[in-house]
Amino acid sequence: MWKSLANSHRVYQGDRIRFNNAPRELSTGNLFQVVRTDEHYFEVCPVSQEADTLLDLFTRKIVRYFDVGYHLQIEVWNEE
């Protein structure tokens, strides 16, 4: 089930997310996986069928927690 992420909530490495109101460069059909977390931001990269680590380095996106809920609406996949 998809659950909305508020700026007070955190994501963890390995979580899958999607953007609700994605900017043009982020297609709403894409799923992203959290690859790194920090206190103020997290990094995501598109989930793809082929694993290309070099390509992943260039397609990583950095999301600041400040932007969540204000500029970006993100949903996190929850198995429960």
N, C-alpha and C. Protein backbone atom coordinates (compact mmCIF):
# COMPACT_ATOMS: atom_id res chain seq x y z
N MET A 1 0.85 -1.17 0.00
CA MET A 1 0.00 0.00 0.00
C MET A 1 0.89 1.23 0.00
N TRP A 2 0.52 2.24 -0.77
CA TRP A 2 1.25 3.50 -0.82
C TRP A 2 0.76 4.43 0.28
N LYS A 3 1.71 5.02 1.01
CA LYS A 3 1.38 5.97 2.08
C LYS A 3 2.10 7.28 1.82
N SER A 4 1.40 8.38 2.04
CA SER A 4 2.01 9.70 1.84
C SER A 4 3.11 9.94 2.86
N LEU A 5 4.17 10.58 2.40
CA LEU A 5 5.30 10.91 3.26
C LEU A 5 5.19 12.38 3.65
N ALA A 6 5.19 12.64 4.94
CA ALA A 6 5.18 14.02 5.44
C ALA A 6 6.62 14.41 5.75
N ASN A 7 6.87 15.72 5.83
CA ASN A 7 8.25 16.16 6.07
C ASN A 7 8.76 15.75 7.45
N SER A 8 7.88 15.37 8.35
CA SER A 8 8.32 14.92 9.67
C SER A 8 8.66 13.43 9.69
N HIS A 9 8.28 12.70 8.63
CA HIS A 9 8.60 11.27 8.55
C HIS A 9 9.92 11.07 7.84
N ARG A 10 10.50 9.92 8.03
CA ARG A 10 11.79 9.59 7.41
C ARG A 10 11.63 8.38 6.51
N VAL A 11 12.51 8.30 5.52
CA VAL A 11 12.60 7.10 4.69
C VAL A 11 13.90 6.39 5.05
N TYR A 12 14.00 5.14 4.64
CA TYR A 12 15.17 4.34 4.97
C TYR A 12 15.75 3.75 3.69
N GLN A 13 17.02 3.43 3.74
CA GLN A 13 17.68 2.86 2.58
C GLN A 13 16.93 1.59 2.16
N GLY A 14 16.64 1.49 0.88
CA GLY A 14 15.91 0.35 0.36
C GLY A 14 14.42 0.60 0.16
N ASP A 15 13.87 1.67 0.76
CA ASP A 15 12.46 2.01 0.56
C ASP A 15 12.19 2.34 -0.90
N ARG A 16 10.99 2.02 -1.36
CA ARG A 16 10.57 2.40 -2.70
C ARG A 16 9.59 3.56 -2.58
N ILE A 17 9.79 4.57 -3.42
CA ILE A 17 8.94 5.75 -3.38
C ILE A 17 8.47 6.10 -4.79
N ARG A 18 7.44 6.93 -4.84
CA ARG A 18 7.01 7.51 -6.11
C ARG A 18 6.60 8.95 -5.84
N PHE A 19 6.68 9.77 -6.86
CA PHE A 19 6.35 11.19 -6.76
C PHE A 19 4.93 11.41 -7.26
N ASN A 20 4.11 12.12 -6.50
CA ASN A 20 2.74 12.43 -6.91
C ASN A 20 2.68 13.59 -7.87
N ASN A 21 3.33 14.67 -7.54
CA ASN A 21 3.32 15.87 -8.39
C ASN A 21 4.72 16.12 -8.91
N ALA A 22 5.22 15.16 -9.68
CA ALA A 22 6.61 15.18 -10.12
C ALA A 22 6.88 16.31 -11.11
N PRO A 23 8.05 16.92 -11.01
CA PRO A 23 8.46 17.88 -12.04
C PRO A 23 8.59 17.15 -13.38
N ARG A 24 8.72 17.90 -14.45
CA ARG A 24 8.75 17.30 -15.79
C ARG A 24 9.85 16.27 -15.96
N GLU A 25 11.00 16.51 -15.32
CA GLU A 25 12.11 15.58 -15.52
C GLU A 25 11.92 14.27 -14.76
N LEU A 26 10.95 14.20 -13.87
CA LEU A 26 10.66 12.96 -13.14
C LEU A 26 9.30 12.45 -13.60
N SER A 27 9.31 11.38 -14.32
CA SER A 27 8.05 10.82 -14.80
C SER A 27 7.28 10.22 -13.64
N THR A 28 5.97 10.46 -13.59
CA THR A 28 5.16 9.94 -12.48
C THR A 28 5.02 8.44 -12.55
N GLY A 29 5.31 7.83 -13.69
CA GLY A 29 5.22 6.39 -13.81
C GLY A 29 6.42 5.66 -13.23
N ASN A 30 7.49 6.39 -12.92
CA ASN A 30 8.71 5.76 -12.42
C ASN A 30 8.66 5.54 -10.92
N LEU A 31 9.26 4.43 -10.54
CA LEU A 31 9.46 4.15 -9.12
C LEU A 31 10.92 4.43 -8.81
N PHE A 32 11.16 4.88 -7.60
CA PHE A 32 12.52 5.19 -7.17
C PHE A 32 12.82 4.40 -5.90
N GLN A 33 14.10 4.07 -5.73
CA GLN A 33 14.55 3.39 -4.53
C GLN A 33 15.49 4.30 -3.78
N VAL A 34 15.33 4.35 -2.46
CA VAL A 34 16.20 5.16 -1.62
C VAL A 34 17.55 4.44 -1.52
N VAL A 35 18.61 5.14 -1.93
CA VAL A 35 19.94 4.52 -1.91
C VAL A 35 20.84 5.07 -0.82
N ARG A 36 20.47 6.22 -0.26
CA ARG A 36 21.26 6.82 0.82
C ARG A 36 20.36 7.75 1.62
N THR A 37 20.54 7.77 2.93
CA THR A 37 19.75 8.67 3.77
C THR A 37 20.68 9.52 4.65
N ASP A 38 20.17 10.67 5.01
CA ASP A 38 20.88 11.59 5.89
C ASP A 38 19.81 12.26 6.74
N GLU A 39 20.21 13.06 7.68
CA GLU A 39 19.22 13.71 8.54
C GLU A 39 18.37 14.72 7.79
N HIS A 40 18.95 15.39 6.79
CA HIS A 40 18.24 16.46 6.10
C HIS A 40 17.85 16.14 4.66
N TYR A 41 18.36 15.06 4.11
CA TYR A 41 18.04 14.73 2.73
C TYR A 41 18.15 13.22 2.52
N PHE A 42 17.67 12.75 1.38
CA PHE A 42 17.90 11.37 0.97
C PHE A 42 18.11 11.34 -0.53
N GLU A 43 18.79 10.30 -1.00
CA GLU A 43 19.07 10.14 -2.41
C GLU A 43 18.26 8.97 -2.95
N VAL A 44 17.70 9.17 -4.13
CA VAL A 44 16.93 8.11 -4.77
C VAL A 44 17.48 7.89 -6.17
N CYS A 45 17.24 6.70 -6.68
CA CYS A 45 17.57 6.43 -8.06
C CYS A 45 16.47 5.58 -8.65
N PRO A 46 16.22 5.74 -9.94
CA PRO A 46 15.09 5.01 -10.56
C PRO A 46 15.27 3.50 -10.44
N VAL A 47 14.17 2.81 -10.23
CA VAL A 47 14.18 1.36 -10.21
C VAL A 47 14.14 0.91 -11.66
N SER A 48 15.15 0.17 -12.07
CA SER A 48 15.20 -0.29 -13.45
C SER A 48 15.43 -1.79 -13.49
N GLN A 49 15.09 -2.37 -14.60
CA GLN A 49 15.25 -3.81 -14.75
C GLN A 49 16.74 -4.17 -14.83
N GLU A 50 17.51 -3.42 -15.57
CA GLU A 50 18.94 -3.71 -15.70
C GLU A 50 19.71 -2.91 -14.66
N ALA A 51 20.60 -3.56 -13.98
CA ALA A 51 21.38 -2.90 -12.93
C ALA A 51 22.66 -2.36 -13.55
N ASP A 52 22.74 -1.06 -13.70
CA ASP A 52 23.92 -0.41 -14.26
C ASP A 52 24.39 0.62 -13.23
N THR A 53 25.41 0.26 -12.47
CA THR A 53 25.82 1.14 -11.37
C THR A 53 26.37 2.46 -11.88
N LEU A 54 27.03 2.49 -13.03
CA LEU A 54 27.54 3.74 -13.57
C LEU A 54 26.39 4.66 -13.95
N LEU A 55 25.37 4.10 -14.60
CA LEU A 55 24.19 4.89 -14.95
C LEU A 55 23.48 5.38 -13.69
N ASP A 56 23.42 4.54 -12.65
CA ASP A 56 22.77 4.93 -11.40
C ASP A 56 23.43 6.16 -10.79
N LEU A 57 24.74 6.29 -10.92
CA LEU A 57 25.44 7.45 -10.37
C LEU A 57 24.97 8.74 -11.03
N PHE A 58 24.62 8.67 -12.30
CA PHE A 58 24.20 9.87 -13.03
C PHE A 58 22.71 10.14 -12.91
N THR A 59 21.93 9.16 -12.49
CA THR A 59 20.48 9.35 -12.42
C THR A 59 19.99 9.53 -11.00
N ARG A 60 20.88 9.61 -10.04
CA ARG A 60 20.46 9.81 -8.65
C ARG A 60 19.86 11.20 -8.48
N LYS A 61 18.84 11.27 -7.67
CA LYS A 61 18.19 12.54 -7.35
C LYS A 61 18.32 12.75 -5.84
N ILE A 62 18.55 13.98 -5.44
CA ILE A 62 18.63 14.32 -4.02
C ILE A 62 17.36 15.04 -3.63
N VAL A 63 16.72 14.55 -2.58
CA VAL A 63 15.47 15.14 -2.10
C VAL A 63 15.72 15.65 -0.69
N ARG A 64 15.44 16.92 -0.46
CA ARG A 64 15.58 17.48 0.89
C ARG A 64 14.26 17.28 1.64
N TYR A 65 14.34 16.94 2.89
CA TYR A 65 13.12 16.77 3.69
C TYR A 65 12.32 18.06 3.75
N PHE A 66 12.98 19.20 3.62
CA PHE A 66 12.28 20.48 3.62
C PHE A 66 11.28 20.55 2.46
N ASP A 67 11.64 19.95 1.31
CA ASP A 67 10.79 20.01 0.12
C ASP A 67 9.59 19.05 0.20
N VAL A 68 9.70 18.03 1.03
CA VAL A 68 8.61 17.06 1.13
C VAL A 68 7.41 17.73 1.80
N GLY A 69 6.29 17.70 1.14
CA GLY A 69 5.08 18.31 1.68
C GLY A 69 4.91 19.75 1.26
N TYR A 70 5.99 20.42 0.93
CA TYR A 70 5.90 21.81 0.50
C TYR A 70 5.96 21.90 -1.03
N HIS A 71 6.93 21.22 -1.63
CA HIS A 71 7.11 21.28 -3.07
C HIS A 71 6.87 19.93 -3.74
N LEU A 72 7.14 18.86 -3.03
CA LEU A 72 7.01 17.51 -3.58
C LEU A 72 6.07 16.69 -2.72
N GLN A 73 5.21 15.96 -3.37
CA GLN A 73 4.36 15.01 -2.66
C GLN A 73 4.86 13.62 -3.01
N ILE A 74 5.30 12.91 -1.98
CA ILE A 74 5.94 11.61 -2.17
C ILE A 74 5.14 10.56 -1.43
N GLU A 75 5.06 9.38 -2.02
CA GLU A 75 4.44 8.23 -1.37
C GLU A 75 5.48 7.15 -1.21
N VAL A 76 5.42 6.44 -0.08
CA VAL A 76 6.34 5.36 0.23
C VAL A 76 5.56 4.05 0.23
N TRP A 77 6.14 3.01 -0.38
CA TRP A 77 5.50 1.70 -0.39
C TRP A 77 5.66 1.06 0.97
N ASN A 78 4.55 0.60 1.55
CA ASN A 78 4.54 -0.02 2.86
C ASN A 78 3.89 -1.39 2.71
N GLU A 79 4.60 -2.44 3.09
CA GLU A 79 4.12 -3.81 2.93
C GLU A 79 2.96 -4.16 3.86
N GLU A 80 2.76 -3.39 4.92
CA GLU A 80 1.73 -3.73 5.92
C GLU A 80 0.34 -3.62 5.38
